[in-house]
Amino acid sequence: MNLNEYLNAMKECPDDQLTERFVGDNFKILVEKVPSDLRALVMTAPFMTFQEDRSGASEFFYVPGTVIMDVRDDVRVWDTKSPRVKPYHKIIKLKYKSMLSFHTEQGESNPMYQRKDNGKKLAGVHEDRAVANCVEEMVNLLAIAKFSFCIDDVRFKQEWDNPDLIIWYPKRPEIKI
């Protein structure tokens, strides 16, 4: 699946099926750039606001009270026993240096991320649709900045043994098996 196919399919997906098929809480985008470069890019995004939490960690908000996104320096992929996917995971672990992690914050479904001081949310927008909107804006920003990235979570949600569901930007790496 390429990036445009993914974005179009996600736009057309009913809100109540987004978590099963595309995005949701703890969704990740793996990025080739080091975290400081990624943080600097995200700071320029007009759709994100920045806040440090009490521990000093950086958090970005897509409409405060809607989606929290953090930039992490630990790249995580879903563990797999699949011989079809393992070679791609080796590339991911070697190539990608940072990760964007998205967390729903709108509803009562995730009390860990609710902030009483961020009373806003996207009115009439399902929390998973808010994550989908944020992911779309972020991948567009990453593409404009020419940052290489991949999304492995779609494969896990739909068909864990299918490496064709890993989304690569700008292109899928060549694997010799």
N, C-alpha and C. Protein backbone atom coordinates (compact mmCIF):
# COMPACT_ATOMS: atom_id res chain seq x y z
N MET A 1 0.85 -1.17 0.00
CA MET A 1 0.00 0.00 0.00
C MET A 1 0.90 1.24 0.00
N ASN A 2 0.62 2.18 -0.88
CA ASN A 2 1.42 3.41 -0.86
C ASN A 2 0.71 4.47 -0.01
N LEU A 3 1.39 5.58 0.22
CA LEU A 3 0.89 6.60 1.12
C LEU A 3 -0.45 7.18 0.65
N ASN A 4 -0.56 7.49 -0.63
CA ASN A 4 -1.81 8.06 -1.14
C ASN A 4 -2.98 7.09 -1.01
N GLU A 5 -2.74 5.81 -1.29
CA GLU A 5 -3.79 4.81 -1.13
C GLU A 5 -4.24 4.74 0.34
N TYR A 6 -3.27 4.77 1.23
CA TYR A 6 -3.57 4.72 2.66
C TYR A 6 -4.40 5.93 3.08
N LEU A 7 -3.96 7.13 2.70
CA LEU A 7 -4.68 8.35 3.10
C LEU A 7 -6.09 8.37 2.53
N ASN A 8 -6.24 7.98 1.28
CA ASN A 8 -7.58 7.96 0.67
C ASN A 8 -8.48 6.94 1.34
N ALA A 9 -7.95 5.74 1.60
CA ALA A 9 -8.75 4.70 2.26
C ALA A 9 -9.14 5.13 3.67
N MET A 10 -8.24 5.80 4.36
CA MET A 10 -8.52 6.26 5.72
C MET A 10 -9.61 7.33 5.71
N LYS A 11 -9.59 8.22 4.74
CA LYS A 11 -10.62 9.26 4.63
C LYS A 11 -12.00 8.65 4.41
N GLU A 12 -12.04 7.58 3.63
CA GLU A 12 -13.33 6.95 3.30
C GLU A 12 -13.81 5.96 4.35
N CYS A 13 -12.97 5.60 5.27
CA CYS A 13 -13.32 4.61 6.30
C CYS A 13 -14.30 5.22 7.31
N PRO A 14 -15.38 4.50 7.65
CA PRO A 14 -16.28 4.98 8.70
C PRO A 14 -15.53 5.13 10.03
N ASP A 15 -15.91 6.14 10.80
CA ASP A 15 -15.23 6.42 12.07
C ASP A 15 -15.16 5.21 12.98
N ASP A 16 -16.23 4.43 13.03
CA ASP A 16 -16.27 3.30 13.96
C ASP A 16 -15.38 2.13 13.53
N GLN A 17 -14.77 2.22 12.34
CA GLN A 17 -13.87 1.17 11.87
C GLN A 17 -12.41 1.63 11.79
N LEU A 18 -12.15 2.89 12.09
CA LEU A 18 -10.78 3.42 11.99
C LEU A 18 -9.80 2.66 12.88
N THR A 19 -10.19 2.38 14.12
CA THR A 19 -9.29 1.70 15.05
C THR A 19 -8.94 0.31 14.55
N GLU A 20 -9.90 -0.39 13.98
CA GLU A 20 -9.65 -1.75 13.49
C GLU A 20 -8.78 -1.76 12.25
N ARG A 21 -8.85 -0.73 11.43
CA ARG A 21 -8.21 -0.78 10.12
C ARG A 21 -7.06 0.19 9.91
N PHE A 22 -7.05 1.34 10.59
CA PHE A 22 -6.06 2.35 10.23
C PHE A 22 -5.33 3.01 11.39
N VAL A 23 -6.03 3.73 12.24
CA VAL A 23 -5.38 4.52 13.29
C VAL A 23 -6.11 4.34 14.61
N GLY A 24 -5.54 4.90 15.65
CA GLY A 24 -6.16 4.88 16.97
C GLY A 24 -5.13 5.29 18.00
N ASP A 25 -5.45 5.09 19.25
CA ASP A 25 -4.55 5.44 20.33
C ASP A 25 -3.24 4.67 20.19
N ASN A 26 -2.13 5.32 20.47
CA ASN A 26 -0.77 4.75 20.40
C ASN A 26 -0.31 4.47 18.96
N PHE A 27 -0.90 5.11 18.00
CA PHE A 27 -0.50 4.95 16.60
C PHE A 27 0.89 5.57 16.42
N LYS A 28 1.71 4.96 15.57
CA LYS A 28 3.10 5.40 15.42
C LYS A 28 3.46 5.65 13.95
N ILE A 29 4.29 6.67 13.75
CA ILE A 29 4.97 6.90 12.47
C ILE A 29 6.45 6.89 12.79
N LEU A 30 7.22 6.05 12.11
CA LEU A 30 8.65 5.92 12.33
C LEU A 30 9.37 6.82 11.32
N VAL A 31 10.31 7.63 11.82
CA VAL A 31 10.94 8.66 10.99
C VAL A 31 12.46 8.47 10.99
N GLU A 32 13.06 8.69 9.81
CA GLU A 32 14.49 8.48 9.65
C GLU A 32 15.33 9.54 10.37
N LYS A 33 14.84 10.73 10.51
CA LYS A 33 15.61 11.82 11.12
C LYS A 33 15.78 11.62 12.63
N VAL A 34 16.80 12.27 13.18
CA VAL A 34 17.02 12.21 14.62
C VAL A 34 15.91 13.01 15.31
N PRO A 35 15.61 12.68 16.59
CA PRO A 35 14.51 13.35 17.28
C PRO A 35 14.59 14.88 17.29
N SER A 36 15.78 15.45 17.43
CA SER A 36 15.88 16.92 17.47
C SER A 36 15.43 17.55 16.14
N ASP A 37 15.77 16.93 15.02
CA ASP A 37 15.32 17.43 13.71
C ASP A 37 13.81 17.28 13.57
N LEU A 38 13.29 16.17 14.03
CA LEU A 38 11.85 15.93 13.95
C LEU A 38 11.09 16.91 14.84
N ARG A 39 11.59 17.12 16.07
CA ARG A 39 10.96 18.08 16.98
C ARG A 39 10.95 19.49 16.36
N ALA A 40 12.06 19.87 15.76
CA ALA A 40 12.15 21.19 15.13
C ALA A 40 11.12 21.34 14.02
N LEU A 41 10.93 20.29 13.22
CA LEU A 41 9.92 20.35 12.16
C LEU A 41 8.52 20.46 12.75
N VAL A 42 8.22 19.65 13.74
CA VAL A 42 6.88 19.68 14.34
C VAL A 42 6.59 21.05 14.96
N MET A 43 7.61 21.70 15.50
CA MET A 43 7.43 23.04 16.09
C MET A 43 6.96 24.05 15.05
N THR A 44 7.22 23.80 13.77
CA THR A 44 6.80 24.73 12.72
C THR A 44 5.38 24.46 12.24
N ALA A 45 4.78 23.36 12.66
CA ALA A 45 3.46 22.97 12.16
C ALA A 45 2.39 23.91 12.74
N PRO A 46 1.65 24.61 11.87
CA PRO A 46 0.63 25.54 12.38
C PRO A 46 -0.54 24.84 13.06
N PHE A 47 -0.70 23.55 12.85
CA PHE A 47 -1.83 22.82 13.43
C PHE A 47 -1.47 22.17 14.77
N MET A 48 -0.24 22.36 15.26
CA MET A 48 0.18 21.76 16.52
C MET A 48 0.56 22.85 17.52
N THR A 49 0.27 22.60 18.79
CA THR A 49 0.76 23.48 19.85
C THR A 49 1.69 22.65 20.73
N PHE A 50 2.65 23.31 21.34
CA PHE A 50 3.68 22.65 22.11
C PHE A 50 3.47 22.90 23.60
N GLN A 51 3.79 21.89 24.39
CA GLN A 51 3.72 22.03 25.85
C GLN A 51 4.69 21.03 26.46
N GLU A 52 5.39 21.45 27.51
CA GLU A 52 6.20 20.50 28.26
C GLU A 52 5.36 19.99 29.41
N ASP A 53 5.40 18.67 29.64
CA ASP A 53 4.65 18.14 30.78
C ASP A 53 5.49 18.32 32.05
N ARG A 54 4.96 17.90 33.17
CA ARG A 54 5.63 18.11 34.45
C ARG A 54 7.00 17.45 34.52
N SER A 55 7.21 16.40 33.75
CA SER A 55 8.50 15.71 33.77
C SER A 55 9.51 16.35 32.83
N GLY A 56 9.08 17.35 32.05
CA GLY A 56 9.95 18.01 31.10
C GLY A 56 9.90 17.40 29.70
N ALA A 57 9.06 16.40 29.51
CA ALA A 57 8.93 15.77 28.19
C ALA A 57 8.12 16.69 27.27
N SER A 58 8.44 16.64 25.98
CA SER A 58 7.74 17.46 24.99
C SER A 58 6.46 16.77 24.55
N GLU A 59 5.38 17.53 24.54
CA GLU A 59 4.12 17.04 24.01
C GLU A 59 3.59 18.06 23.03
N PHE A 60 2.99 17.57 21.96
CA PHE A 60 2.38 18.44 20.98
C PHE A 60 0.89 18.12 20.95
N PHE A 61 0.08 19.15 20.79
CA PHE A 61 -1.36 18.97 20.81
C PHE A 61 -1.96 19.37 19.46
N TYR A 62 -2.77 18.49 18.94
CA TYR A 62 -3.57 18.77 17.75
C TYR A 62 -4.93 19.16 18.29
N VAL A 63 -5.21 20.44 18.29
CA VAL A 63 -6.36 21.02 18.99
C VAL A 63 -6.31 20.50 20.43
N PRO A 64 -5.77 21.29 21.35
CA PRO A 64 -5.64 20.82 22.73
C PRO A 64 -6.93 20.18 23.22
N GLY A 65 -6.80 19.03 23.84
CA GLY A 65 -7.96 18.28 24.29
C GLY A 65 -8.41 17.25 23.28
N THR A 66 -7.70 17.14 22.16
CA THR A 66 -8.12 16.22 21.10
C THR A 66 -7.10 15.10 20.89
N VAL A 67 -5.88 15.42 20.47
CA VAL A 67 -4.85 14.42 20.22
C VAL A 67 -3.54 14.92 20.81
N ILE A 68 -2.86 14.05 21.53
CA ILE A 68 -1.50 14.34 22.00
C ILE A 68 -0.55 13.58 21.08
N MET A 69 0.53 14.23 20.67
CA MET A 69 1.55 13.57 19.87
C MET A 69 2.89 13.83 20.54
N ASP A 70 3.68 12.80 20.70
CA ASP A 70 5.02 13.03 21.24
C ASP A 70 6.07 12.49 20.27
N VAL A 71 7.24 13.12 20.35
CA VAL A 71 8.39 12.72 19.54
C VAL A 71 9.26 11.87 20.44
N ARG A 72 9.54 10.67 20.00
CA ARG A 72 10.30 9.73 20.83
C ARG A 72 11.58 9.32 20.12
N ASP A 73 12.58 8.97 20.92
CA ASP A 73 13.84 8.50 20.34
C ASP A 73 13.97 6.98 20.42
N ASP A 74 12.91 6.32 20.83
CA ASP A 74 12.92 4.85 20.85
C ASP A 74 11.94 4.36 19.78
N VAL A 75 12.48 3.71 18.79
CA VAL A 75 11.66 3.22 17.68
C VAL A 75 11.17 1.83 18.03
N ARG A 76 9.84 1.68 17.99
CA ARG A 76 9.23 0.39 18.33
C ARG A 76 8.44 -0.13 17.15
N VAL A 77 8.58 -1.41 16.91
CA VAL A 77 7.76 -2.07 15.89
C VAL A 77 7.07 -3.25 16.56
N TRP A 78 5.93 -3.63 16.00
CA TRP A 78 5.22 -4.79 16.53
C TRP A 78 6.06 -6.03 16.28
N ASP A 79 6.31 -6.78 17.32
CA ASP A 79 7.10 -8.00 17.19
C ASP A 79 6.34 -8.99 16.29
N THR A 80 7.08 -9.65 15.46
CA THR A 80 6.44 -10.60 14.55
C THR A 80 7.32 -11.83 14.40
N LYS A 81 6.67 -12.92 14.19
CA LYS A 81 7.38 -14.17 13.90
C LYS A 81 7.36 -14.43 12.39
N SER A 82 6.73 -13.54 11.65
CA SER A 82 6.54 -13.73 10.22
C SER A 82 7.86 -13.63 9.46
N PRO A 83 8.25 -14.68 8.73
CA PRO A 83 9.46 -14.59 7.90
C PRO A 83 9.31 -13.58 6.77
N ARG A 84 8.08 -13.27 6.39
CA ARG A 84 7.85 -12.27 5.33
C ARG A 84 8.09 -10.85 5.82
N VAL A 85 7.91 -10.60 7.11
CA VAL A 85 8.00 -9.25 7.66
C VAL A 85 9.34 -8.97 8.33
N LYS A 86 9.97 -10.00 8.90
CA LYS A 86 11.23 -9.82 9.65
C LYS A 86 12.30 -9.01 8.90
N PRO A 87 12.54 -9.25 7.60
CA PRO A 87 13.58 -8.46 6.93
C PRO A 87 13.27 -6.96 6.92
N TYR A 88 12.00 -6.60 6.84
CA TYR A 88 11.62 -5.19 6.87
C TYR A 88 11.82 -4.60 8.25
N HIS A 89 11.54 -5.37 9.27
CA HIS A 89 11.76 -4.89 10.63
C HIS A 89 13.24 -4.65 10.90
N LYS A 90 14.10 -5.46 10.32
CA LYS A 90 15.54 -5.21 10.47
C LYS A 90 15.91 -3.86 9.87
N ILE A 91 15.36 -3.56 8.70
CA ILE A 91 15.61 -2.26 8.06
C ILE A 91 15.07 -1.13 8.92
N ILE A 92 13.86 -1.30 9.42
CA ILE A 92 13.25 -0.26 10.25
C ILE A 92 14.13 0.02 11.47
N LYS A 93 14.58 -1.01 12.13
CA LYS A 93 15.38 -0.82 13.34
C LYS A 93 16.72 -0.17 13.05
N LEU A 94 17.28 -0.41 11.87
CA LEU A 94 18.56 0.21 11.50
C LEU A 94 18.41 1.62 10.95
N LYS A 95 17.38 1.87 10.18
CA LYS A 95 17.24 3.12 9.44
C LYS A 95 16.52 4.24 10.21
N TYR A 96 15.50 3.90 10.96
CA TYR A 96 14.64 4.92 11.57
C TYR A 96 15.11 5.24 12.98
N LYS A 97 15.24 6.54 13.27
CA LYS A 97 15.85 6.99 14.51
C LYS A 97 14.88 7.63 15.49
N SER A 98 13.69 7.97 15.03
CA SER A 98 12.71 8.58 15.92
C SER A 98 11.30 8.15 15.54
N MET A 99 10.37 8.51 16.41
CA MET A 99 9.01 8.02 16.23
C MET A 99 8.03 9.10 16.71
N LEU A 100 6.97 9.28 15.95
CA LEU A 100 5.85 10.09 16.39
C LEU A 100 4.81 9.13 16.95
N SER A 101 4.34 9.40 18.13
CA SER A 101 3.34 8.55 18.76
C SER A 101 2.11 9.39 19.04
N PHE A 102 0.95 8.92 18.60
CA PHE A 102 -0.31 9.66 18.69
C PHE A 102 -1.20 9.02 19.75
N HIS A 103 -1.84 9.87 20.55
CA HIS A 103 -2.70 9.38 21.63
C HIS A 103 -4.01 10.14 21.62
N THR A 104 -5.11 9.42 21.71
CA THR A 104 -6.41 10.07 21.78
C THR A 104 -6.54 10.72 23.14
N GLU A 105 -7.22 11.86 23.14
CA GLU A 105 -7.39 12.57 24.39
C GLU A 105 -8.82 13.07 24.57
N GLN A 106 -9.68 12.86 23.59
CA GLN A 106 -11.00 13.49 23.65
C GLN A 106 -11.94 12.89 24.67
N GLY A 107 -12.06 11.59 24.67
CA GLY A 107 -13.15 10.99 25.41
C GLY A 107 -12.74 10.37 26.72
N GLU A 108 -13.70 9.77 27.35
CA GLU A 108 -13.46 9.08 28.61
C GLU A 108 -12.74 7.76 28.38
N SER A 109 -12.57 7.37 27.12
CA SER A 109 -11.94 6.09 26.84
C SER A 109 -10.46 6.08 27.22
N ASN A 110 -9.87 7.24 27.40
CA ASN A 110 -8.46 7.29 27.74
C ASN A 110 -8.21 8.30 28.86
N PRO A 111 -8.59 7.97 30.09
CA PRO A 111 -8.43 8.94 31.19
C PRO A 111 -6.98 9.30 31.47
N MET A 112 -6.02 8.44 31.06
CA MET A 112 -4.61 8.74 31.31
C MET A 112 -4.18 10.03 30.61
N TYR A 113 -4.76 10.32 29.45
CA TYR A 113 -4.33 11.48 28.69
C TYR A 113 -5.27 12.67 28.79
N GLN A 114 -6.31 12.59 29.60
CA GLN A 114 -7.21 13.73 29.74
C GLN A 114 -6.52 14.83 30.54
N ARG A 115 -6.68 16.04 30.09
CA ARG A 115 -6.12 17.19 30.78
C ARG A 115 -7.27 18.14 31.10
N LYS A 116 -7.46 18.45 32.36
CA LYS A 116 -8.55 19.34 32.74
C LYS A 116 -8.34 20.75 32.20
N ASP A 117 -7.09 21.16 31.99
CA ASP A 117 -6.82 22.51 31.52
C ASP A 117 -6.90 22.65 30.00
N ASN A 118 -7.17 21.59 29.28
CA ASN A 118 -7.29 21.65 27.82
C ASN A 118 -8.73 21.34 27.42
N GLY A 119 -9.66 22.17 27.84
CA GLY A 119 -11.06 21.87 27.67
C GLY A 119 -11.57 21.79 26.25
N LYS A 120 -10.76 22.10 25.26
CA LYS A 120 -11.21 22.09 23.88
C LYS A 120 -11.18 20.67 23.30
N LYS A 121 -11.97 20.47 22.30
CA LYS A 121 -11.88 19.28 21.49
C LYS A 121 -12.57 19.58 20.17
N LEU A 122 -12.40 18.73 19.21
CA LEU A 122 -13.06 18.92 17.93
C LEU A 122 -14.51 18.51 18.08
N ALA A 123 -15.40 19.46 18.11
CA ALA A 123 -16.82 19.18 18.32
C ALA A 123 -17.35 18.29 17.20
N GLY A 124 -18.07 17.25 17.60
CA GLY A 124 -18.71 16.37 16.63
C GLY A 124 -17.75 15.46 15.87
N VAL A 125 -16.50 15.38 16.32
CA VAL A 125 -15.50 14.55 15.64
C VAL A 125 -15.13 13.38 16.55
N HIS A 126 -15.28 12.17 16.04
CA HIS A 126 -14.91 10.96 16.78
C HIS A 126 -13.42 11.01 17.09
N GLU A 127 -13.02 10.51 18.27
CA GLU A 127 -11.61 10.61 18.68
C GLU A 127 -10.66 9.93 17.71
N ASP A 128 -11.07 8.82 17.08
CA ASP A 128 -10.19 8.17 16.11
C ASP A 128 -10.11 8.97 14.81
N ARG A 129 -11.18 9.67 14.44
CA ARG A 129 -11.13 10.54 13.26
C ARG A 129 -10.18 11.71 13.53
N ALA A 130 -10.16 12.20 14.77
CA ALA A 130 -9.22 13.27 15.12
C ALA A 130 -7.78 12.78 14.95
N VAL A 131 -7.50 11.55 15.39
CA VAL A 131 -6.15 10.98 15.18
C VAL A 131 -5.87 10.85 13.69
N ALA A 132 -6.84 10.37 12.92
CA ALA A 132 -6.66 10.23 11.47
C ALA A 132 -6.35 11.58 10.83
N ASN A 133 -7.06 12.63 11.23
CA ASN A 133 -6.81 13.97 10.69
C ASN A 133 -5.40 14.45 11.05
N CYS A 134 -4.99 14.21 12.28
CA CYS A 134 -3.66 14.61 12.73
C CYS A 134 -2.58 13.84 11.98
N VAL A 135 -2.77 12.53 11.83
CA VAL A 135 -1.81 11.69 11.09
C VAL A 135 -1.69 12.20 9.65
N GLU A 136 -2.80 12.49 9.01
CA GLU A 136 -2.76 12.98 7.63
C GLU A 136 -1.97 14.29 7.53
N GLU A 137 -2.23 15.22 8.44
CA GLU A 137 -1.49 16.48 8.40
C GLU A 137 0.00 16.27 8.67
N MET A 138 0.33 15.36 9.58
CA MET A 138 1.74 15.11 9.88
C MET A 138 2.46 14.44 8.71
N VAL A 139 1.85 13.44 8.07
CA VAL A 139 2.55 12.80 6.95
C VAL A 139 2.72 13.77 5.80
N ASN A 140 1.77 14.67 5.61
CA ASN A 140 1.94 15.69 4.57
C ASN A 140 3.09 16.62 4.91
N LEU A 141 3.21 17.02 6.18
CA LEU A 141 4.32 17.86 6.63
C LEU A 141 5.66 17.14 6.45
N LEU A 142 5.71 15.86 6.85
CA LEU A 142 6.93 15.07 6.69
C LEU A 142 7.32 14.95 5.21
N ALA A 143 6.35 14.73 4.35
CA ALA A 143 6.63 14.59 2.91
C ALA A 143 7.13 15.90 2.32
N ILE A 144 6.51 17.01 2.69
CA ILE A 144 6.96 18.32 2.19
C ILE A 144 8.39 18.59 2.62
N ALA A 145 8.73 18.19 3.86
CA ALA A 145 10.09 18.39 4.39
C ALA A 145 11.07 17.35 3.86
N LYS A 146 10.55 16.39 3.08
CA LYS A 146 11.37 15.32 2.51
C LYS A 146 12.01 14.43 3.58
N PHE A 147 11.27 14.19 4.67
CA PHE A 147 11.70 13.26 5.71
C PHE A 147 11.23 11.87 5.30
N SER A 148 12.11 10.89 5.32
CA SER A 148 11.71 9.50 5.06
C SER A 148 11.00 8.96 6.30
N PHE A 149 9.93 8.18 6.07
CA PHE A 149 9.20 7.61 7.19
C PHE A 149 8.50 6.34 6.76
N CYS A 150 8.05 5.59 7.75
CA CYS A 150 7.23 4.41 7.46
C CYS A 150 6.17 4.25 8.55
N ILE A 151 5.11 3.56 8.18
CA ILE A 151 4.01 3.27 9.09
C ILE A 151 3.81 1.77 9.07
N ASP A 152 4.08 1.15 10.21
CA ASP A 152 3.96 -0.31 10.34
C ASP A 152 2.66 -0.72 11.01
N ASP A 153 2.00 0.19 11.69
CA ASP A 153 0.80 -0.14 12.46
C ASP A 153 -0.36 -0.64 11.61
N VAL A 154 -0.45 -0.22 10.37
CA VAL A 154 -1.56 -0.65 9.50
C VAL A 154 -1.49 -2.15 9.27
N ARG A 155 -0.29 -2.66 9.05
CA ARG A 155 -0.11 -4.09 8.86
C ARG A 155 -0.60 -4.85 10.09
N PHE A 156 -0.27 -4.35 11.25
CA PHE A 156 -0.68 -5.03 12.48
C PHE A 156 -2.20 -5.04 12.61
N LYS A 157 -2.84 -3.93 12.25
CA LYS A 157 -4.28 -3.83 12.41
C LYS A 157 -5.04 -4.70 11.41
N GLN A 158 -4.51 -4.85 10.20
CA GLN A 158 -5.28 -5.52 9.16
C GLN A 158 -4.84 -6.96 8.90
N GLU A 159 -3.57 -7.15 8.68
CA GLU A 159 -3.07 -8.47 8.31
C GLU A 159 -1.60 -8.53 8.69
N TRP A 160 -1.32 -9.01 9.90
CA TRP A 160 0.01 -8.88 10.49
C TRP A 160 1.11 -9.54 9.68
N ASP A 161 0.80 -10.49 8.84
CA ASP A 161 1.80 -11.23 8.09
C ASP A 161 2.06 -10.65 6.70
N ASN A 162 1.51 -9.50 6.40
CA ASN A 162 1.61 -8.94 5.05
C ASN A 162 2.52 -7.71 5.01
N PRO A 163 3.76 -7.85 4.55
CA PRO A 163 4.66 -6.70 4.51
C PRO A 163 4.23 -5.64 3.49
N ASP A 164 3.32 -6.00 2.57
CA ASP A 164 2.84 -5.01 1.60
C ASP A 164 1.99 -3.93 2.27
N LEU A 165 1.56 -4.15 3.50
CA LEU A 165 0.77 -3.15 4.21
C LEU A 165 1.63 -2.18 5.02
N ILE A 166 2.94 -2.36 4.99
CA ILE A 166 3.83 -1.35 5.60
C ILE A 166 3.89 -0.19 4.60
N ILE A 167 3.64 1.01 5.09
CA ILE A 167 3.65 2.18 4.22
C ILE A 167 5.02 2.84 4.32
N TRP A 168 5.66 3.01 3.17
CA TRP A 168 7.00 3.59 3.11
C TRP A 168 6.93 4.91 2.37
N TYR A 169 7.67 5.89 2.85
CA TYR A 169 7.80 7.14 2.11
C TYR A 169 9.26 7.53 2.14
N PRO A 170 9.88 7.84 1.01
CA PRO A 170 9.27 7.99 -0.30
C PRO A 170 9.04 6.67 -1.05
N LYS A 171 9.81 5.63 -0.72
CA LYS A 171 9.57 4.38 -1.44
C LYS A 171 9.96 3.20 -0.55
N ARG A 172 9.45 2.06 -0.93
CA ARG A 172 9.74 0.81 -0.21
C ARG A 172 11.19 0.39 -0.47
N PRO A 173 11.91 -0.03 0.58
CA PRO A 173 13.29 -0.48 0.35
C PRO A 173 13.32 -1.82 -0.35
N GLU A 174 14.39 -2.04 -1.08
CA GLU A 174 14.58 -3.33 -1.75
C GLU A 174 15.07 -4.35 -0.72
N ILE A 175 14.45 -5.49 -0.71
CA ILE A 175 14.84 -6.57 0.20
C ILE A 175 15.23 -7.78 -0.64
N LYS A 176 16.40 -8.31 -0.34
CA LYS A 176 16.84 -9.54 -1.00
C LYS A 176 16.69 -10.68 -0.01
N ILE A 177 15.76 -11.56 -0.29
CA ILE A 177 15.50 -12.68 0.63
C ILE A 177 16.12 -13.95 0.09
